[in-house]
Structure formats: structure tokens, C-alpha cells
Amino acid sequence: GAYTTMDPEDSLGRVLNAYKLAHETAEMRSRLHEAIRNRDEDQIDGIALLMGHQRKELVDWACDQGIVKKEECDKLLEALEALYDVIRVDAFDADGLKALSRCAKGKRKVVERPPREEE
């Protein structure tokens, strides 16, 4: 009786889809992470990789290096995109925040707590 969906456009579906893709690409990502740890420092920027901003470049590098097979590259990129999307907890759409702010206008109130008693 619980709501479930795999639709990546739905908020729950985003998480479930990312979980499914993470499971399906676990072995590929393991190979990728091992290669990142052992990479030549001049080949690819480790900090940018850790931040997740260069997912396409990372997958292209992994394919060029033979870390993942050519037929695995699209699936790996899809998984990295989905996982990054799910963990971006501090990235908010400006229009969405404005709409939430308008909805809350007049509904906020200050709650004062009683002073703590000394023991």
C-alpha cells in the first residue's frame, strides 16, 4: 500500500531510479573509483571529479582509458547523473524558492520559548 514510482521526474522516483542505477553500475563504478585513486595527477582533476561537476568528462576519460567498455559508458553516465541529482541537497531552483516564500507569507509566526530554569 505504499506509493512507489520509478519516474525520474517524480521526487520519490528520482531516488528509486538512482538506487536502481547505482545497483546496476556498482561494478563499473568500483572500477572507476579504483582508476581515479591510481590515476596520473596530470590526467584528470581529482577535486572536480569528487565534486561531480565533470561527469561526462569523467566517463569519456574512463572509456578512453579502457576502464569501462564502450557499451557501458552510456549506462555509467546515466547512473552518475542520477546519483548526483539525488545528492544535490543544497541546490534549489530560484523560482521554486520564490513560490514557497509566497505560499508561506502571512503564515509564519514567532514562537518564544520559556526561559530555561537553572538546576
PDB file of N, CA and C in Angstrom:
ATOM      1  N   GLY A   1       0.805  -1.196   0.000  1.00  0.00           N
ATOM      2  CA  GLY A   1       0.000   0.000   0.000  1.00  0.00           C
ATOM      3  C   GLY A   1       0.845   1.255   0.000  1.00  0.00           C
ATOM      4  N   ALA A   2       2.130   1.184  -0.223  1.00  0.00           N
ATOM      5  CA  ALA A   2       2.981   2.374  -0.235  1.00  0.00           C
ATOM      6  C   ALA A   2       3.136   2.889  -1.660  1.00  0.00           C
ATOM      7  N   TYR A   3       3.189   4.205  -1.783  1.00  0.00           N
ATOM      8  CA  TYR A   3       3.382   4.825  -3.087  1.00  0.00           C
ATOM      9  C   TYR A   3       4.795   4.539  -3.574  1.00  0.00           C
ATOM     10  N   THR A   4       4.924   4.128  -4.800  1.00  0.00           N
ATOM     11  CA  THR A   4       6.241   3.892  -5.395  1.00  0.00           C
ATOM     12  C   THR A   4       6.171   4.209  -6.884  1.00  0.00           C
ATOM     13  N   THR A   5       7.252   4.743  -7.395  1.00  0.00           N
ATOM     14  CA  THR A   5       7.347   5.055  -8.813  1.00  0.00           C
ATOM     15  C   THR A   5       8.818   5.080  -9.201  1.00  0.00           C
ATOM     16  N   MET A   6       9.092   4.740 -10.413  1.00  0.00           N
ATOM     17  CA  MET A   6      10.457   4.803 -10.930  1.00  0.00           C
ATOM     18  C   MET A   6      10.627   6.000 -11.875  1.00  0.00           C
ATOM     19  N   ASP A   7       9.605   6.848 -11.957  1.00  0.00           N
ATOM     20  CA  ASP A   7       9.636   8.008 -12.837  1.00  0.00           C
ATOM     21  C   ASP A   7      10.678   9.014 -12.337  1.00  0.00           C
ATOM     22  N   PRO A   8      11.746   9.259 -13.075  1.00  0.00           N
ATOM     23  CA  PRO A   8      12.783  10.180 -12.618  1.00  0.00           C
ATOM     24  C   PRO A   8      12.317  11.633 -12.504  1.00  0.00           C
ATOM     25  N   GLU A   9      11.128  11.932 -13.007  1.00  0.00           N
ATOM     26  CA  GLU A   9      10.582  13.286 -12.874  1.00  0.00           C
ATOM     27  C   GLU A   9       9.861  13.465 -11.537  1.00  0.00           C
ATOM     28  N   ASP A  10       9.535  12.373 -10.869  1.00  0.00           N
ATOM     29  CA  ASP A  10       8.876  12.399  -9.572  1.00  0.00           C
ATOM     30  C   ASP A  10       9.952  12.415  -8.488  1.00  0.00           C
ATOM     31  N   SER A  11       9.717  13.110  -7.372  1.00  0.00           N
ATOM     32  CA  SER A  11      10.763  13.207  -6.346  1.00  0.00           C
ATOM     33  C   SER A  11      11.132  11.849  -5.763  1.00  0.00           C
ATOM     34  N   LEU A  12      10.168  10.989  -5.482  1.00  0.00           N
ATOM     35  CA  LEU A  12      10.487   9.646  -4.996  1.00  0.00           C
ATOM     36  C   LEU A  12      11.101   8.813  -6.118  1.00  0.00           C
ATOM     37  N   GLY A  13      10.583   8.970  -7.304  1.00  0.00           N
ATOM     38  CA  GLY A  13      11.107   8.239  -8.456  1.00  0.00           C
ATOM     39  C   GLY A  13      12.563   8.553  -8.734  1.00  0.00           C
ATOM     40  N   ARG A  14      12.956   9.804  -8.496  1.00  0.00           N
ATOM     41  CA  ARG A  14      14.367  10.174  -8.677  1.00  0.00           C
ATOM     42  C   ARG A  14      15.262   9.339  -7.782  1.00  0.00           C
ATOM     43  N   VAL A  15      14.859   9.190  -6.526  1.00  0.00           N
ATOM     44  CA  VAL A  15      15.660   8.419  -5.569  1.00  0.00           C
ATOM     45  C   VAL A  15      15.664   6.935  -5.939  1.00  0.00           C
ATOM     46  N   LEU A  16      14.503   6.386  -6.235  1.00  0.00           N
ATOM     47  CA  LEU A  16      14.417   4.964  -6.569  1.00  0.00           C
ATOM     48  C   LEU A  16      15.146   4.646  -7.867  1.00  0.00           C
ATOM     49  N   ASN A  17      15.042   5.536  -8.847  1.00  0.00           N
ATOM     50  CA  ASN A  17      15.748   5.346 -10.105  1.00  0.00           C
ATOM     51  C   ASN A  17      17.258   5.398  -9.875  1.00  0.00           C
ATOM     52  N   ALA A  18      17.720   6.342  -9.069  1.00  0.00           N
ATOM     53  CA  ALA A  18      19.151   6.438  -8.771  1.00  0.00           C
ATOM     54  C   ALA A  18      19.635   5.191  -8.037  1.00  0.00           C
ATOM     55  N   TYR A  19      18.826   4.684  -7.119  1.00  0.00           N
ATOM     56  CA  TYR A  19      19.185   3.469  -6.381  1.00  0.00           C
ATOM     57  C   TYR A  19      19.323   2.285  -7.346  1.00  0.00           C
ATOM     58  N   LYS A  20      18.364   2.162  -8.262  1.00  0.00           N
ATOM     59  CA  LYS A  20      18.397   1.071  -9.239  1.00  0.00           C
ATOM     60  C   LYS A  20      19.641   1.178 -10.124  1.00  0.00           C
ATOM     61  N   LEU A  21      19.912   2.392 -10.615  1.00  0.00           N
ATOM     62  CA  LEU A  21      21.081   2.595 -11.477  1.00  0.00           C
ATOM     63  C   LEU A  21      22.388   2.378 -10.708  1.00  0.00           C
ATOM     64  N   ALA A  22      22.419   2.786  -9.446  1.00  0.00           N
ATOM     65  CA  ALA A  22      23.613   2.567  -8.623  1.00  0.00           C
ATOM     66  C   ALA A  22      23.886   1.076  -8.473  1.00  0.00           C
ATOM     67  N   HIS A  23      22.831   0.315  -8.249  1.00  0.00           N
ATOM     68  CA  HIS A  23      22.972  -1.134  -8.111  1.00  0.00           C
ATOM     69  C   HIS A  23      23.454  -1.761  -9.424  1.00  0.00           C
ATOM     70  N   GLU A  24      22.880  -1.323 -10.531  1.00  0.00           N
ATOM     71  CA  GLU A  24      23.234  -1.888 -11.835  1.00  0.00           C
ATOM     72  C   GLU A  24      24.657  -1.536 -12.268  1.00  0.00           C
ATOM     73  N   THR A  25      25.184  -0.425 -11.790  1.00  0.00           N
ATOM     74  CA  THR A  25      26.509   0.025 -12.223  1.00  0.00           C
ATOM     75  C   THR A  25      27.554  -0.078 -11.113  1.00  0.00           C
ATOM     76  N   ALA A  26      27.258  -0.790 -10.059  1.00  0.00           N
ATOM     77  CA  ALA A  26      28.171  -0.869  -8.906  1.00  0.00           C
ATOM     78  C   ALA A  26      29.562  -1.343  -9.305  1.00  0.00           C
ATOM     79  N   GLU A  27      29.627  -2.379 -10.121  1.00  0.00           N
ATOM     80  CA  GLU A  27      30.921  -2.924 -10.517  1.00  0.00           C
ATOM     81  C   GLU A  27      31.687  -1.930 -11.405  1.00  0.00           C
ATOM     82  N   MET A  28      30.988  -1.261 -12.303  1.00  0.00           N
ATOM     83  CA  MET A  28      31.612  -0.252 -13.164  1.00  0.00           C
ATOM     84  C   MET A  28      32.150   0.906 -12.332  1.00  0.00           C
ATOM     85  N   ARG A  29      31.340   1.372 -11.388  1.00  0.00           N
ATOM     86  CA  ARG A  29      31.756   2.491 -10.548  1.00  0.00           C
ATOM     87  C   ARG A  29      32.922   2.105  -9.646  1.00  0.00           C
ATOM     88  N   SER A  30      32.962   0.849  -9.238  1.00  0.00           N
ATOM     89  CA  SER A  30      34.082   0.369  -8.434  1.00  0.00           C
ATOM     90  C   SER A  30      35.383   0.438  -9.232  1.00  0.00           C
ATOM     91  N   ARG A  31      35.324  -0.011 -10.485  1.00  0.00           N
ATOM     92  CA  ARG A  31      36.498   0.073 -11.367  1.00  0.00           C
ATOM     93  C   ARG A  31      36.911   1.524 -11.585  1.00  0.00           C
ATOM     94  N   LEU A  32      35.907   2.374 -11.772  1.00  0.00           N
ATOM     95  CA  LEU A  32      36.163   3.795 -12.000  1.00  0.00           C
ATOM     96  C   LEU A  32      36.829   4.426 -10.778  1.00  0.00           C
ATOM     97  N   HIS A  33      36.307   4.162  -9.598  1.00  0.00           N
ATOM     98  CA  HIS A  33      36.876   4.739  -8.380  1.00  0.00           C
ATOM     99  C   HIS A  33      38.303   4.259  -8.146  1.00  0.00           C
ATOM    100  N   GLU A  34      38.554   3.002  -8.440  1.00  0.00           N
ATOM    101  CA  GLU A  34      39.915   2.469  -8.321  1.00  0.00           C
ATOM    102  C   GLU A  34      40.851   3.186  -9.290  1.00  0.00           C
ATOM    103  N   ALA A  35      40.402   3.409 -10.504  1.00  0.00           N
ATOM    104  CA  ALA A  35      41.220   4.103 -11.501  1.00  0.00           C
ATOM    105  C   ALA A  35      41.471   5.555 -11.094  1.00  0.00           C
ATOM    106  N   ILE A  36      40.480   6.195 -10.500  1.00  0.00           N
ATOM    107  CA  ILE A  36      40.649   7.575 -10.049  1.00  0.00           C
ATOM    108  C   ILE A  36      41.717   7.633  -8.952  1.00  0.00           C
ATOM    109  N   ARG A  37      41.658   6.685  -8.032  1.00  0.00           N
ATOM    110  CA  ARG A  37      42.650   6.660  -6.948  1.00  0.00           C
ATOM    111  C   ARG A  37      44.068   6.461  -7.485  1.00  0.00           C
ATOM    112  N   ASN A  38      44.206   5.710  -8.576  1.00  0.00           N
ATOM    113  CA  ASN A  38      45.522   5.377  -9.117  1.00  0.00           C
ATOM    114  C   ASN A  38      45.899   6.189 -10.352  1.00  0.00           C
ATOM    115  N   ARG A  39      45.173   7.231 -10.643  1.00  0.00           N
ATOM    116  CA  ARG A  39      45.393   7.992 -11.878  1.00  0.00           C
ATOM    117  C   ARG A  39      46.670   8.826 -11.798  1.00  0.00           C
ATOM    118  N   ASP A  40      47.137   9.222 -12.951  1.00  0.00           N
ATOM    119  CA  ASP A  40      48.212  10.199 -13.061  1.00  0.00           C
ATOM    120  C   ASP A  40      47.583  11.552 -12.721  1.00  0.00           C
ATOM    121  N   GLU A  41      48.161  12.273 -11.778  1.00  0.00           N
ATOM    122  CA  GLU A  41      47.593  13.545 -11.310  1.00  0.00           C
ATOM    123  C   GLU A  41      47.359  14.547 -12.444  1.00  0.00           C
ATOM    124  N   ASP A  42      48.175  14.457 -13.487  1.00  0.00           N
ATOM    125  CA  ASP A  42      48.045  15.401 -14.592  1.00  0.00           C
ATOM    126  C   ASP A  42      46.959  15.003 -15.588  1.00  0.00           C
ATOM    127  N   GLN A  43      46.450  13.774 -15.492  1.00  0.00           N
ATOM    128  CA  GLN A  43      45.457  13.302 -16.456  1.00  0.00           C
ATOM    129  C   GLN A  43      44.096  13.944 -16.245  1.00  0.00           C
ATOM    130  N   ILE A  44      43.675  14.014 -14.999  1.00  0.00           N
ATOM    131  CA  ILE A  44      42.313  14.441 -14.727  1.00  0.00           C
ATOM    132  C   ILE A  44      42.256  15.028 -13.328  1.00  0.00           C
ATOM    133  N   ASP A  45      41.465  16.071 -13.141  1.00  0.00           N
ATOM    134  CA  ASP A  45      41.391  16.801 -11.879  1.00  0.00           C
ATOM    135  C   ASP A  45      40.559  16.046 -10.850  1.00  0.00           C
ATOM    136  N   GLY A  46      41.206  15.529  -9.825  1.00  0.00           N
ATOM    137  CA  GLY A  46      40.529  14.731  -8.807  1.00  0.00           C
ATOM    138  C   GLY A  46      39.478  15.496  -8.033  1.00  0.00           C
ATOM    139  N   ILE A  47      39.725  16.768  -7.718  1.00  0.00           N
ATOM    140  CA  ILE A  47      38.757  17.559  -6.945  1.00  0.00           C
ATOM    141  C   ILE A  47      37.478  17.749  -7.753  1.00  0.00           C
ATOM    142  N   ALA A  48      37.601  18.098  -9.007  1.00  0.00           N
ATOM    143  CA  ALA A  48      36.412  18.267  -9.847  1.00  0.00           C
ATOM    144  C   ALA A  48      35.642  16.961  -9.950  1.00  0.00           C
ATOM    145  N   LEU A  49      36.364  15.846  -9.986  1.00  0.00           N
ATOM    146  CA  LEU A  49      35.692  14.549 -10.050  1.00  0.00           C
ATOM    147  C   LEU A  49      34.909  14.294  -8.777  1.00  0.00           C
ATOM    148  N   LEU A  50      35.531  14.577  -7.649  1.00  0.00           N
ATOM    149  CA  LEU A  50      34.855  14.343  -6.377  1.00  0.00           C
ATOM    150  C   LEU A  50      33.622  15.223  -6.235  1.00  0.00           C
ATOM    151  N   MET A  51      33.686  16.426  -6.773  1.00  0.00           N
ATOM    152  CA  MET A  51      32.540  17.333  -6.691  1.00  0.00           C
ATOM    153  C   MET A  51      31.430  16.933  -7.666  1.00  0.00           C
ATOM    154  N   GLY A  52      31.746  16.097  -8.624  1.00  0.00           N
ATOM    155  CA  GLY A  52      30.736  15.592  -9.537  1.00  0.00           C
ATOM    156  C   GLY A  52      30.357  16.519 -10.664  1.00  0.00           C
ATOM    157  N   HIS A  53      31.141  17.568 -10.894  1.00  0.00           N
ATOM    158  CA  HIS A  53      30.762  18.543 -11.914  1.00  0.00           C
ATOM    159  C   HIS A  53      31.156  18.143 -13.330  1.00  0.00           C
ATOM    160  N   GLN A  54      32.050  17.191 -13.468  1.00  0.00           N
ATOM    161  CA  GLN A  54      32.529  16.823 -14.794  1.00  0.00           C
ATOM    162  C   GLN A  54      32.211  15.361 -15.092  1.00  0.00           C
ATOM    163  N   ARG A  55      30.975  14.997 -14.950  1.00  0.00           N
ATOM    164  CA  ARG A  55      30.586  13.597 -15.125  1.00  0.00           C
ATOM    165  C   ARG A  55      30.833  13.108 -16.552  1.00  0.00           C
ATOM    166  N   LYS A  56      30.482  13.883 -17.542  1.00  0.00           N
ATOM    167  CA  LYS A  56      30.673  13.483 -18.942  1.00  0.00           C
ATOM    168  C   LYS A  56      32.160  13.313 -19.240  1.00  0.00           C
ATOM    169  N   GLU A  57      32.975  14.273 -18.787  1.00  0.00           N
ATOM    170  CA  GLU A  57      34.416  14.186 -18.997  1.00  0.00           C
ATOM    171  C   GLU A  57      34.995  12.959 -18.292  1.00  0.00           C
ATOM    172  N   LEU A  58      34.485  12.667 -17.109  1.00  0.00           N
ATOM    173  CA  LEU A  58      34.945  11.509 -16.353  1.00  0.00           C
ATOM    174  C   LEU A  58      34.643  10.209 -17.096  1.00  0.00           C
ATOM    175  N   VAL A  59      33.424  10.092 -17.584  1.00  0.00           N
ATOM    176  CA  VAL A  59      33.041   8.873 -18.311  1.00  0.00           C
ATOM    177  C   VAL A  59      33.839   8.764 -19.614  1.00  0.00           C
ATOM    178  N   ASP A  60      34.017   9.885 -20.305  1.00  0.00           N
ATOM    179  CA  ASP A  60      34.824   9.860 -21.538  1.00  0.00           C
ATOM    180  C   ASP A  60      36.249   9.406 -21.228  1.00  0.00           C
ATOM    181  N   TRP A  61      36.822   9.930 -20.140  1.00  0.00           N
ATOM    182  CA  TRP A  61      38.170   9.525 -19.725  1.00  0.00           C
ATOM    183  C   TRP A  61      38.213   8.035 -19.422  1.00  0.00           C
ATOM    184  N   ALA A  62      37.204   7.546 -18.675  1.00  0.00           N
ATOM    185  CA  ALA A  62      37.159   6.127 -18.311  1.00  0.00           C
ATOM    186  C   ALA A  62      37.050   5.247 -19.559  1.00  0.00           C
ATOM    187  N   CYS A  63      36.282   5.685 -20.534  1.00  0.00           N
ATOM    188  CA  CYS A  63      36.145   4.920 -21.783  1.00  0.00           C
ATOM    189  C   CYS A  63      37.452   4.929 -22.572  1.00  0.00           C
ATOM    190  N   ASP A  64      38.078   6.102 -22.665  1.00  0.00           N
ATOM    191  CA  ASP A  64      39.348   6.211 -23.391  1.00  0.00           C
ATOM    192  C   ASP A  64      40.446   5.370 -22.750  1.00  0.00           C
ATOM    193  N   GLN A  65      40.418   5.264 -21.422  1.00  0.00           N
ATOM    194  CA  GLN A  65      41.436   4.502 -20.698  1.00  0.00           C
ATOM    195  C   GLN A  65      41.138   3.006 -20.658  1.00  0.00           C
ATOM    196  N   GLY A  66      39.958   2.602 -21.120  1.00  0.00           N
ATOM    197  CA  GLY A  66      39.578   1.195 -21.093  1.00  0.00           C
ATOM    198  C   GLY A  66      39.119   0.719 -19.724  1.00  0.00           C
ATOM    199  N   ILE A  67      38.799   1.652 -18.851  1.00  0.00           N
ATOM    200  CA  ILE A  67      38.321   1.313 -17.504  1.00  0.00           C
ATOM    201  C   ILE A  67      36.913   0.740 -17.585  1.00  0.00           C
ATOM    202  N   VAL A  68      36.119   1.322 -18.458  1.00  0.00           N
ATOM    203  CA  VAL A  68      34.785   0.786 -18.751  1.00  0.00           C
ATOM    204  C   VAL A  68      34.707   0.520 -20.244  1.00  0.00           C
ATOM    205  N   LYS A  69      33.923  -0.452 -20.600  1.00  0.00           N
ATOM    206  CA  LYS A  69      33.757  -0.805 -22.011  1.00  0.00           C
ATOM    207  C   LYS A  69      32.899   0.245 -22.698  1.00  0.00           C
ATOM    208  N   LYS A  70      33.078   0.372 -23.989  1.00  0.00           N
ATOM    209  CA  LYS A  70      32.312   1.367 -24.757  1.00  0.00           C
ATOM    210  C   LYS A  70      30.804   1.196 -24.570  1.00  0.00           C
ATOM    211  N   GLU A  71      30.349  -0.060 -24.511  1.00  0.00           N
ATOM    212  CA  GLU A  71      28.906  -0.291 -24.363  1.00  0.00           C
ATOM    213  C   GLU A  71      28.397   0.021 -22.951  1.00  0.00           C
ATOM    214  N   GLU A  72      29.301   0.218 -22.000  1.00  0.00           N
ATOM    215  CA  GLU A  72      28.907   0.553 -20.623  1.00  0.00           C
ATOM    216  C   GLU A  72      28.856   2.055 -20.366  1.00  0.00           C
ATOM    217  N   CYS A  73      29.452   2.831 -21.237  1.00  0.00           N
ATOM    218  CA  CYS A  73      29.624   4.265 -20.992  1.00  0.00           C
ATOM    219  C   CYS A  73      28.307   5.019 -20.802  1.00  0.00           C
ATOM    220  N   ASP A  74      27.332   4.768 -21.655  1.00  0.00           N
ATOM    221  CA  ASP A  74      26.060   5.483 -21.540  1.00  0.00           C
ATOM    222  C   ASP A  74      25.354   5.163 -20.217  1.00  0.00           C
ATOM    223  N   LYS A  75      25.368   3.897 -19.835  1.00  0.00           N
ATOM    224  CA  LYS A  75      24.725   3.481 -18.585  1.00  0.00           C
ATOM    225  C   LYS A  75      25.441   4.102 -17.382  1.00  0.00           C
ATOM    226  N   LEU A  76      26.774   4.145 -17.430  1.00  0.00           N
ATOM    227  CA  LEU A  76      27.540   4.734 -16.342  1.00  0.00           C
ATOM    228  C   LEU A  76      27.244   6.222 -16.223  1.00  0.00           C
ATOM    229  N   LEU A  77      27.205   6.925 -17.334  1.00  0.00           N
ATOM    230  CA  LEU A  77      26.893   8.355 -17.304  1.00  0.00           C
ATOM    231  C   LEU A  77      25.492   8.591 -16.756  1.00  0.00           C
ATOM    232  N   GLU A  78      24.535   7.783 -17.191  1.00  0.00           N
ATOM    233  CA  GLU A  78      23.165   7.907 -16.688  1.00  0.00           C
ATOM    234  C   GLU A  78      23.131   7.719 -15.167  1.00  0.00           C
ATOM    235  N   ALA A  79      23.864   6.738 -14.678  1.00  0.00           N
ATOM    236  CA  ALA A  79      23.894   6.481 -13.235  1.00  0.00           C
ATOM    237  C   ALA A  79      24.548   7.628 -12.484  1.00  0.00           C
ATOM    238  N   LEU A  80      25.673   8.126 -12.983  1.00  0.00           N
ATOM    239  CA  LEU A  80      26.348   9.230 -12.306  1.00  0.00           C
ATOM    240  C   LEU A  80      25.490  10.481 -12.282  1.00  0.00           C
ATOM    241  N   GLU A  81      24.784  10.742 -13.381  1.00  0.00           N
ATOM    242  CA  GLU A  81      23.872  11.898 -13.437  1.00  0.00           C
ATOM    243  C   GLU A  81      22.754  11.745 -12.405  1.00  0.00           C
ATOM    244  N   ALA A  82      22.162  10.553 -12.341  1.00  0.00           N
ATOM    245  CA  ALA A  82      21.060  10.314 -11.404  1.00  0.00           C
ATOM    246  C   ALA A  82      21.532  10.404  -9.957  1.00  0.00           C
ATOM    247  N   LEU A  83      22.685   9.832  -9.663  1.00  0.00           N
ATOM    248  CA  LEU A  83      23.215   9.873  -8.301  1.00  0.00           C
ATOM    249  C   LEU A  83      23.553  11.299  -7.896  1.00  0.00           C
ATOM    250  N   TYR A  84      24.167  12.043  -8.783  1.00  0.00           N
ATOM    251  CA  TYR A  84      24.496  13.441  -8.485  1.00  0.00           C
ATOM    252  C   TYR A  84      23.225  14.250  -8.246  1.00  0.00           C
ATOM    253  N   ASP A  85      22.210  14.007  -9.054  1.00  0.00           N
ATOM    254  CA  ASP A  85      20.947  14.726  -8.914  1.00  0.00           C
ATOM    255  C   ASP A  85      20.320  14.474  -7.546  1.00  0.00           C
ATOM    256  N   VAL A  86      20.416  13.251  -7.068  1.00  0.00           N
ATOM    257  CA  VAL A  86      19.803  12.892  -5.777  1.00  0.00           C
ATOM    258  C   VAL A  86      20.575  13.486  -4.603  1.00  0.00           C
ATOM    259  N   ILE A  87      21.896  13.584  -4.712  1.00  0.00           N
ATOM    260  CA  ILE A  87      22.666  14.076  -3.566  1.00  0.00           C
ATOM    261  C   ILE A  87      22.829  15.592  -3.546  1.00  0.00           C
ATOM    262  N   ARG A  88      22.336  16.287  -4.548  1.00  0.00           N
ATOM    263  CA  ARG A  88      22.431  17.759  -4.562  1.00  0.00           C
ATOM    264  C   ARG A  88      21.420  18.353  -3.598  1.00  0.00           C
ATOM    265  N   VAL A  89      21.655  18.219  -2.335  1.00  0.00           N
ATOM    266  CA  VAL A  89      20.665  18.652  -1.354  1.00  0.00           C
ATOM    267  C   VAL A  89      20.657  20.151  -1.132  1.00  0.00           C
ATOM    268  N   ASP A  90      21.694  20.846  -1.539  1.00  0.00           N
ATOM    269  CA  ASP A  90      21.738  22.288  -1.314  1.00  0.00           C
ATOM    270  C   ASP A  90      21.589  23.092  -2.609  1.00  0.00           C
ATOM    271  N   ALA A  91      21.054  22.484  -3.638  1.00  0.00           N
ATOM    272  CA  ALA A  91      20.826  23.169  -4.905  1.00  0.00           C
ATOM    273  C   ALA A  91      19.322  23.357  -5.085  1.00  0.00           C
ATOM    274  N   PHE A  92      18.895  24.606  -5.072  1.00  0.00           N
ATOM    275  CA  PHE A  92      17.473  24.897  -5.151  1.00  0.00           C
ATOM    276  C   PHE A  92      17.172  25.768  -6.351  1.00  0.00           C
ATOM    277  N   ASP A  93      16.043  25.507  -6.951  1.00  0.00           N
ATOM    278  CA  ASP A  93      15.565  26.299  -8.068  1.00  0.00           C
ATOM    279  C   ASP A  93      15.056  27.638  -7.526  1.00  0.00           C
ATOM    280  N   ALA A  94      15.571  28.740  -8.047  1.00  0.00           N
ATOM    281  CA  ALA A  94      15.205  30.069  -7.550  1.00  0.00           C
ATOM    282  C   ALA A  94      13.706  30.313  -7.646  1.00  0.00           C
ATOM    283  N   ASP A  95      13.075  29.913  -8.755  1.00  0.00           N
ATOM    284  CA  ASP A  95      11.633  30.120  -8.908  1.00  0.00           C
ATOM    285  C   ASP A  95      10.848  29.301  -7.890  1.00  0.00           C
ATOM    286  N   GLY A  96      11.319  28.096  -7.609  1.00  0.00           N
ATOM    287  CA  GLY A  96      10.658  27.261  -6.612  1.00  0.00           C
ATOM    288  C   GLY A  96      10.731  27.866  -5.220  1.00  0.00           C
ATOM    289  N   LEU A  97      11.868  28.439  -4.883  1.00  0.00           N
ATOM    290  CA  LEU A  97      12.013  29.082  -3.578  1.00  0.00           C
ATOM    291  C   LEU A  97      11.106  30.303  -3.461  1.00  0.00           C
ATOM    292  N   LYS A  98      10.991  31.066  -4.540  1.00  0.00           N
ATOM    293  CA  LYS A  98      10.108  32.235  -4.527  1.00  0.00           C
ATOM    294  C   LYS A  98       8.657  31.804  -4.330  1.00  0.00           C
ATOM    295  N   ALA A  99       8.251  30.725  -4.998  1.00  0.00           N
ATOM    296  CA  ALA A  99       6.877  30.228  -4.857  1.00  0.00           C
ATOM    297  C   ALA A  99       6.618  29.763  -3.426  1.00  0.00           C
ATOM    298  N   LEU A 100       7.569  29.062  -2.831  1.00  0.00           N
ATOM    299  CA  LEU A 100       7.413  28.630  -1.436  1.00  0.00           C
ATOM    300  C   LEU A 100       7.313  29.818  -0.501  1.00  0.00           C
ATOM    301  N   SER A 101       8.101  30.837  -0.767  1.00  0.00           N
ATOM    302  CA  SER A 101       8.079  32.037   0.057  1.00  0.00           C
ATOM    303  C   SER A 101       6.718  32.720  -0.024  1.00  0.00           C
ATOM    304  N   ARG A 102       6.154  32.797  -1.232  1.00  0.00           N
ATOM    305  CA  ARG A 102       4.829  33.415  -1.389  1.00  0.00           C
ATOM    306  C   ARG A 102       3.762  32.611  -0.657  1.00  0.00           C
ATOM    307  N   CYS A 103       3.856  31.297  -0.684  1.00  0.00           N
ATOM    308  CA  CYS A 103       2.885  30.438  -0.002  1.00  0.00           C
ATOM    309  C   CYS A 103       2.945  30.623   1.512  1.00  0.00           C
ATOM    310  N   ALA A 104       4.129  30.874   2.038  1.00  0.00           N
ATOM    311  CA  ALA A 104       4.300  30.976   3.483  1.00  0.00           C
ATOM    312  C   ALA A 104       4.011  32.382   4.009  1.00  0.00           C
ATOM    313  N   LYS A 105       3.845  33.353   3.124  1.00  0.00           N
ATOM    314  CA  LYS A 105       3.639  34.732   3.555  1.00  0.00           C
ATOM    315  C   LYS A 105       2.383  34.845   4.420  1.00  0.00           C
ATOM    316  N   GLY A 106       2.541  35.447   5.565  1.00  0.00           N
ATOM    317  CA  GLY A 106       1.421  35.627   6.491  1.00  0.00           C
ATOM    318  C   GLY A 106       1.151  34.413   7.368  1.00  0.00           C
ATOM    319  N   LYS A 107       1.807  33.304   7.101  1.00  0.00           N
ATOM    320  CA  LYS A 107       1.570  32.081   7.871  1.00  0.00           C
ATOM    321  C   LYS A 107       2.668  31.828   8.899  1.00  0.00           C
ATOM    322  N   ARG A 108       3.736  32.576   8.792  1.00  0.00           N
ATOM    323  CA  ARG A 108       4.834  32.391   9.736  1.00  0.00           C
ATOM    324  C   ARG A 108       4.533  33.130  11.020  1.00  0.00           C
ATOM    325  N   LYS A 109       4.959  32.568  12.120  1.00  0.00           N
ATOM    326  CA  LYS A 109       4.794  33.261  13.389  1.00  0.00           C
ATOM    327  C   LYS A 109       6.004  32.989  14.270  1.00  0.00           C
ATOM    328  N   VAL A 110       6.273  33.907  15.138  1.00  0.00           N
ATOM    329  CA  VAL A 110       7.406  33.774  16.038  1.00  0.00           C
ATOM    330  C   VAL A 110       6.949  32.978  17.248  1.00  0.00           C
ATOM    331  N   VAL A 111       7.703  31.991  17.594  1.00  0.00           N
ATOM    332  CA  VAL A 111       7.391  31.179  18.769  1.00  0.00           C
ATOM    333  C   VAL A 111       8.470  31.458  19.800  1.00  0.00           C
ATOM    334  N   GLU A 112       8.034  31.935  20.950  1.00  0.00           N
ATOM    335  CA  GLU A 112       9.002  32.218  22.002  1.00  0.00           C
ATOM    336  C   GLU A 112       9.018  31.059  22.978  1.00  0.00           C
ATOM    337  N   ARG A 113      10.195  30.665  23.325  1.00  0.00           N
ATOM    338  CA  ARG A 113      10.350  29.576  24.280  1.00  0.00           C
ATOM    339  C   ARG A 113      10.483  30.163  25.675  1.00  0.00           C
ATOM    340  N   PRO A 114       9.929  29.470  26.647  1.00  0.00           N
ATOM    341  CA  PRO A 114      10.084  29.966  28.021  1.00  0.00           C
ATOM    342  C   PRO A 114      11.552  29.867  28.437  1.00  0.00           C
ATOM    343  N   PRO A 115      11.986  30.748  29.291  1.00  0.00           N
ATOM    344  CA  PRO A 115      13.394  30.700  29.721  1.00  0.00           C
ATOM    345  C   PRO A 115      13.681  29.384  30.441  1.00  0.00           C
ATOM    346  N   ARG A 116      14.904  28.909  30.283  1.00  0.00           N
ATOM    347  CA  ARG A 116      15.307  27.673  30.945  1.00  0.00           C
ATOM    348  C   ARG A 116      15.505  27.936  32.420  1.00  0.00           C
ATOM    349  N   GLU A 117      15.006  27.022  33.197  1.00  0.00           N
ATOM    350  CA  GLU A 117      15.192  27.134  34.636  1.00  0.00           C
ATOM    351  C   GLU A 117      16.559  26.583  35.009  1.00  0.00           C
ATOM    352  N   GLU A 118      17.216  27.262  35.914  1.00  0.00           N
ATOM    353  CA  GLU A 118      18.514  26.802  36.391  1.00  0.00           C
ATOM    354  C   GLU A 118      18.294  25.622  37.321  1.00  0.00           C
ATOM    355  N   GLU A 119      19.138  24.649  37.228  1.00  0.00           N
ATOM    356  CA  GLU A 119      19.001  23.465  38.091  1.00  0.00           C
ATOM    357  C   GLU A 119      19.831  23.588  39.318  1.00  0.00           C
TER     358      GLU A 119
END
